[in-house]
Amino acid sequence: MTAQTGPAGPPRTPASPNPSPIRVLVADDQAMVRGSFRVLVDHTPGMTAVGEAADGTEAVELARREQPDVVLMDIRMPGLDGIEATRRISADSATSGVRVLILTTFDLDEYVYASLRAGAAGFLLKDTPPSEVLNAITVIAAGDSLLAPSVTRRLIAEFTRRPEPGRPPGRTLDGVTDRELEVLTLIARGLSNTELAEHLHLSLATVKTHIGRLLAKLRARDRAQLVIVAYETGLAGTDRPAP
């Protein structure tokens, strides 16, 4: 006698836990701007806004309390500005894992370099389309940096015309190979990994290996800091053509 079995149910698949949403703090002195970004973030699956700050001091305090993944940081705010707020967030061991995305406008270009030196992971213009803002948040939350290529090239041209006088280089390029210098020069000129691979006729994996070695040799946290090294050592300000 054989046992009777009921109809087979649907195949069971292991449940995959939903990833934690990207936590975003918005810092801007204009309530309408803060509200717009908050609505944008809160209506995007996989993201959530954890607070709003009207000035740099409040941004630092909320970053410590809320531990966001990303801070959307305006530069010009009353009291403590966005550059100093970024510096404090990056330097504090309690918030060193918080990533800062600077929001700027064309007439604030001269502040972007200082923002990156302060520890910002990247920057965008305030008139950037919402989809690109959301992409930037995702990229930066994943630990990468975002330097919009077209804006990066514009900034480099500006800083090449107006180099900051008397700044001693904070780091040297000792130990960097010729190929790595090529990669660093092109990073500083705003090329993405894909553009680097095409320009140098390398695979993406090889490009990423070179970037990883540059990060280690130059004690840089991310791609944004590689651009800073290129400025500080004079590599980005040279008149030589791109490799």
Foldseek 3Di string as FASTA:
>chain_A
DDDDDDDDDDDDDDDDDDDAAQEEEEEALDPVLRVVVQVLQCPDPRGHYDYYHNALVVVLVCCLVVVGLEYAAEADGPDHGRQVSLLVQCPDPSRVNHAYEYEAAPVCLVCPLSSLVSPHLEYDYPPPDSVVVVVQSVQVSVQAGDYALVSLQVSLVVCLVPPDPPQAQPFECPPQDPVLLLLLLVLSNRDDLVRVCVVVVHDSVVSVVSVVVVCVVGVNRYSSVSNSNCSSHCNSNDPDDRD
